[in-house]
Amino acid sequence: MRFIWATRGRDWGFTFLRDGGLTDPLPTYEAAFEGANPTLTAVRFEDPEGRTDRAGRVIEHDFVFFDAPKTPSAEDVWPLVADEFARKY
């Protein structure tokens, strides 16, 4: 499954942890969340484990899927990245 994943951690700001194979994922990310490209599916959810940054804000995870057959849920997506985020958080 090809996707972009953007989030932040306890001590680091918004960054792309997965780029979907793109040199610059930002334009595609923006188009997806604006609804400007019907082949992209944008999904945003709060950290399933309730993690926060140093300021106490709940961390959100943003995903953009390419040609997803259905809109993935947090339960579909989180197992794909949970271990990676735990290491980087």
Foldseek 3Di string as FASTA:
>chain_A
DFKWKWKAAQEGDIDIPHQSPDPDNVVVQVCQVVVNDVQKHKDKDFDPVQDDHPVRHTMMMIMIDGNDPDRDDCVRPCVVCVVVRVVVD
